[in-house]
Protein backbone atom coordinates (compact mmCIF):
# COMPACT_ATOMS: atom_id res chain seq x y z
CA MET A 1 11.49 13.27 -20.42
CA THR A 2 11.44 9.52 -19.80
CA ASN A 3 8.48 7.36 -20.86
CA GLN A 4 9.06 4.98 -17.96
CA ARG A 5 6.20 4.39 -15.55
CA THR A 6 6.75 5.91 -12.14
CA ILE A 7 5.40 3.91 -9.21
CA LEU A 8 5.09 5.34 -5.70
CA ILE A 9 5.17 2.68 -2.99
CA THR A 10 4.31 3.38 0.64
CA GLY A 11 5.59 0.97 3.26
CA ALA A 12 8.46 0.36 0.86
CA ALA A 13 10.93 -0.88 3.48
CA GLY A 14 8.74 -3.81 4.55
CA HIS A 15 8.84 -7.31 3.12
CA LEU A 16 6.04 -6.74 0.60
CA GLY A 17 7.34 -3.28 -0.27
CA ARG A 18 10.78 -4.65 -1.08
CA ALA A 19 9.31 -7.48 -3.15
CA LEU A 20 7.10 -5.08 -5.10
CA ALA A 21 9.96 -2.65 -5.69
CA ALA A 22 12.23 -5.44 -6.94
CA ARG A 23 9.64 -6.76 -9.38
CA ALA A 24 8.72 -3.28 -10.60
CA ARG A 25 12.40 -2.56 -11.27
CA THR A 26 12.63 -5.64 -13.47
CA GLN A 27 9.83 -4.08 -15.55
CA GLY A 28 11.83 -0.88 -15.93
CA ALA A 29 9.71 1.31 -13.67
CA ARG A 30 11.02 4.36 -11.89
CA LEU A 31 10.38 4.10 -8.17
CA LEU A 32 9.46 6.62 -5.48
CA LEU A 33 9.73 4.74 -2.20
CA LEU A 34 8.22 5.95 1.08
CA ASP A 35 8.50 4.57 4.59
CA ARG A 36 8.57 6.11 8.05
CA ASP A 37 11.67 4.06 8.98
CA ALA A 38 14.60 5.98 7.52
CA ALA A 39 17.17 3.38 8.61
CA ALA A 40 15.22 0.55 6.99
CA LEU A 41 14.92 2.54 3.77
CA GLN A 42 18.66 3.13 3.80
CA ARG A 43 19.40 -0.55 4.34
CA ALA A 44 17.05 -1.63 1.56
CA TYR A 45 17.76 1.01 -1.08
CA GLY A 46 20.75 3.13 -0.13
CA ASP A 47 20.48 6.86 -0.64
CA GLY A 48 18.03 6.41 -3.50
CA GLN A 49 18.34 9.86 -5.02
CA GLY A 50 18.81 8.98 -8.67
CA ASP A 51 16.40 9.24 -11.58
CA ALA A 52 15.37 5.57 -11.38
CA LEU A 53 14.93 5.35 -7.62
CA SER A 54 14.05 7.98 -5.03
CA VAL A 55 13.39 7.43 -1.33
CA LEU A 56 11.58 9.53 1.25
CA ALA A 57 11.37 8.86 4.98
CA VAL A 58 8.05 10.33 6.07
CA ASP A 59 5.23 9.87 8.56
CA LEU A 60 2.04 9.30 6.57
CA LEU A 61 -0.03 10.43 9.53
CA ASP A 62 1.43 13.93 9.15
CA ARG A 63 -0.24 15.24 6.00
CA ALA A 64 1.73 18.48 5.96
CA GLN A 65 5.04 16.63 6.27
CA LEU A 66 4.00 14.26 3.50
CA ALA A 67 3.03 17.08 1.16
CA ALA A 68 6.24 18.99 1.84
CA GLY A 69 8.41 15.91 1.36
CA LEU A 70 6.75 14.82 -1.89
CA ALA A 71 6.60 18.25 -3.54
CA PRO A 72 10.23 18.44 -4.74
CA LEU A 73 10.26 14.78 -5.76
CA LEU A 74 7.09 15.12 -7.81
CA ALA A 75 8.47 18.26 -9.42
CA ARG A 76 11.69 16.43 -10.34
CA LEU A 77 10.05 13.24 -11.59
CA GLY A 78 7.30 15.04 -13.46
CA ARG A 79 4.60 12.45 -12.89
CA VAL A 80 3.55 9.44 -10.83
CA ASP A 81 1.63 6.82 -12.78
CA THR A 82 0.74 4.48 -9.93
CA LEU A 83 0.33 4.63 -6.16
CA CYS A 84 0.77 1.27 -4.43
CA HIS A 85 -0.30 1.87 -0.85
CA ILE A 86 1.16 -0.91 1.28
CA ALA A 87 1.71 0.98 4.54
CA GLY A 88 -0.40 -0.54 7.30
CA GLY A 89 -0.20 -3.41 9.70
CA PHE A 90 -1.73 -6.07 11.91
CA ARG A 91 -2.11 -6.35 15.65
CA MET A 92 -4.29 -8.65 17.71
CA GLY A 93 -6.29 -6.72 20.25
CA GLU A 94 -8.92 -6.80 22.91
CA ALA A 95 -12.48 -8.05 22.76
CA VAL A 96 -14.73 -5.37 21.30
CA HIS A 97 -16.13 -4.37 24.69
CA GLU A 98 -12.57 -3.92 25.97
CA ILE A 99 -11.03 -1.97 23.09
CA SER A 100 -9.12 1.01 24.42
CA ALA A 101 -9.06 4.35 22.65
CA PRO A 102 -5.30 4.04 21.96
CA SER A 103 -5.74 0.57 20.41
CA TRP A 104 -8.58 1.77 18.19
CA ASP A 105 -6.76 4.91 17.13
CA PHE A 106 -3.52 3.03 16.42
CA LEU A 107 -5.11 0.62 13.95
CA MET A 108 -7.46 3.11 12.33
CA ASP A 109 -4.54 5.52 11.85
CA LEU A 110 -2.26 2.79 10.52
CA ASN A 111 -4.70 1.23 8.08
CA ALA A 112 -7.21 3.95 7.18
CA ARG A 113 -5.98 7.46 8.00
CA SER A 114 -2.68 6.80 6.23
CA LEU A 115 -4.57 6.13 2.98
CA VAL A 116 -6.71 9.25 3.40
CA ASN A 117 -3.58 11.37 3.82
CA VAL A 118 -1.75 9.85 0.87
CA ALA A 119 -4.82 10.28 -1.31
CA ALA A 120 -5.18 13.90 -0.25
CA VAL A 121 -1.66 14.65 -1.42
CA LEU A 122 -1.38 12.44 -4.50
CA VAL A 123 -4.83 12.30 -6.12
CA PRO A 124 -4.78 15.98 -7.20
CA HIS A 125 -1.47 15.21 -8.92
CA LEU A 126 -2.98 12.20 -10.74
CA LEU A 127 -5.97 14.25 -11.85
CA ALA A 128 -3.80 17.11 -13.06
CA GLN A 129 -1.76 14.77 -15.25
CA GLY A 130 -4.88 13.10 -16.67
CA GLY A 131 -5.09 9.83 -14.76
CA GLY A 132 -3.23 6.97 -13.12
CA ARG A 133 -3.61 3.87 -10.98
CA ILE A 134 -4.08 3.32 -7.25
CA VAL A 135 -3.64 -0.12 -5.68
CA THR A 136 -4.21 -0.55 -1.95
CA VAL A 137 -3.59 -3.50 0.37
CA GLY A 138 -6.56 -4.57 2.44
CA ALA A 139 -6.90 -7.97 4.07
CA GLY A 140 -9.19 -10.95 3.92
CA ALA A 141 -9.82 -10.26 7.61
CA GLY A 142 -11.43 -6.97 6.58
CA LEU A 143 -14.39 -8.89 5.19
CA LYS A 144 -15.41 -10.56 8.44
CA GLY A 145 -14.78 -9.90 12.10
CA GLY A 146 -12.93 -12.33 14.36
CA ALA A 147 -12.33 -12.70 18.08
CA GLN A 148 -9.82 -10.17 19.41
CA MET A 149 -9.62 -8.75 15.88
CA GLY A 150 -12.48 -6.24 15.94
CA ALA A 151 -10.35 -3.12 15.67
CA TYR A 152 -8.06 -4.63 13.04
CA ALA A 153 -10.96 -5.96 10.96
CA ALA A 154 -12.71 -2.60 11.20
CA SER A 155 -9.61 -0.72 10.10
CA LYS A 156 -9.05 -2.95 7.08
CA SER A 157 -12.75 -2.87 6.24
CA ALA A 158 -12.49 0.93 6.32
CA LEU A 159 -9.60 0.77 3.86
CA ILE A 160 -11.63 -1.43 1.51
CA ARG A 161 -14.60 0.95 1.67
CA LEU A 162 -12.30 3.93 1.07
CA THR A 163 -10.86 2.15 -1.96
CA GLU A 164 -14.34 1.50 -3.35
CA SER A 165 -15.40 5.09 -2.70
CA MET A 166 -12.32 6.49 -4.41
CA SER A 167 -13.01 4.26 -7.40
CA ALA A 168 -16.55 5.60 -7.67
CA GLU A 169 -15.25 9.16 -7.42
CA LEU A 170 -12.30 8.83 -9.79
CA LYS A 171 -13.05 6.19 -12.44
CA HIS A 172 -14.64 8.73 -14.77
CA ARG A 173 -11.61 10.97 -14.35
CA GLY A 174 -9.01 8.50 -15.59
CA VAL A 175 -7.94 6.91 -12.30
CA ASN A 176 -8.37 3.19 -11.66
CA VAL A 177 -8.59 2.32 -7.94
CA ASN A 178 -8.51 -1.28 -6.70
CA CYS A 179 -7.26 -3.30 -3.75
CA VAL A 180 -5.85 -6.73 -2.97
CA LEU A 181 -6.98 -8.79 0.01
CA PRO A 182 -4.16 -11.09 1.12
CA SER A 183 -4.44 -13.77 3.75
CA VAL A 184 -1.26 -14.39 5.76
CA ILE A 185 1.81 -13.17 3.88
CA ASP A 186 4.85 -15.43 4.06
CA THR A 187 7.37 -13.21 5.83
CA PRO A 188 10.06 -13.97 8.41
CA ASP A 189 8.05 -12.03 11.00
CA ASN A 190 4.92 -14.12 10.43
CA ARG A 191 6.91 -17.35 10.47
CA ALA A 192 8.42 -16.35 13.80
CA ALA A 193 5.00 -15.40 15.21
CA MET A 194 3.36 -18.64 14.03
CA PRO A 195 6.11 -21.29 14.12
CA ASP A 196 3.69 -24.23 13.98
CA ALA A 197 1.77 -23.00 10.92
CA ASP A 198 2.31 -24.36 7.42
CA ALA A 199 3.85 -21.33 5.74
CA THR A 200 3.80 -23.05 2.35
CA GLN A 201 0.07 -22.35 2.30
CA TRP A 202 0.54 -18.60 2.75
CA VAL A 203 0.92 -15.92 0.10
CA HIS A 204 4.48 -15.24 -0.96
CA PRO A 205 5.28 -11.51 -1.27
CA ASP A 206 6.40 -11.98 -4.88
CA ALA A 207 3.04 -13.51 -5.81
CA LEU A 208 1.13 -10.67 -4.18
CA ALA A 209 3.40 -8.15 -5.89
CA ASP A 210 2.58 -9.70 -9.27
CA VAL A 211 -1.15 -9.17 -8.69
CA MET A 212 -0.54 -5.57 -7.65
CA LEU A 213 1.54 -4.89 -10.74
CA PHE A 214 -1.21 -6.36 -12.89
CA LEU A 215 -3.68 -3.91 -11.34
CA ALA A 216 -1.15 -1.14 -12.01
CA SER A 217 -0.87 -2.09 -15.68
CA ASP A 218 -2.85 -1.16 -18.76
CA ALA A 219 -4.13 -4.74 -18.84
CA ALA A 220 -6.32 -3.82 -15.84
CA ARG A 221 -7.69 -0.64 -17.41
CA ALA A 222 -11.27 -1.98 -17.22
CA VAL A 223 -11.01 -3.00 -13.54
CA HIS A 224 -12.51 -0.48 -11.11
CA GLY A 225 -13.28 -0.79 -7.41
CA ALA A 226 -12.29 -4.45 -7.16
CA ALA A 227 -11.25 -6.09 -3.90
CA ILE A 228 -9.32 -9.13 -5.08
CA PRO A 229 -8.61 -12.01 -2.68
CA VAL A 230 -5.01 -13.22 -2.88
CA THR A 231 -5.04 -16.09 -0.44
CA GLY A 232 -2.43 -18.60 -1.51
CA MET A 233 -3.59 -22.07 -0.52
CA VAL A 234 -5.36 -20.98 2.67
């Protein structure tokens, strides 16, 4: 049985997911990488069915599918030490009085329900093995509403509150739960969407990944329920 840490990353095919996976690999971690985009997972990681790296294409909004997909991987790996929940996303929307049910459901599913489902499947595993770490990705925008951002801000605020609640529930049972609150992440997609912005002021994915790996480490063993701003120079 290996003594390597095993880190499960959701949203692993995205820019931050790839950065986090790369940095975790340099630390010798075993990786269990989840994303709903099977083709993107393949492009980023290949088949990923070895001992050091496993991939799973799965819809986090389907709890039964998630549980069925993870079961054989958890049995093979033996344990997961850390969950890094990156899956989520941003979308500008309507004014609050114009928010449609589909817009609300899309963002709440993406940013809040996905965490609830992952927690439902993975937390019992962490408790059974005696503890672990959970690091989620909120957003600075989850701390304060903005015009045409009501649904997004609410969904990220919900994720922060879920993170805090899980910490209160699990910290006496050996599980540290914390989240990071990035501002704009410096990705090609964001640069394309905001071509006139100064991207040097944004948060680089590698820098955000370093903070997440700190929270996943023993050095953060006394940190519980924190929502840590990671804002670059913004």
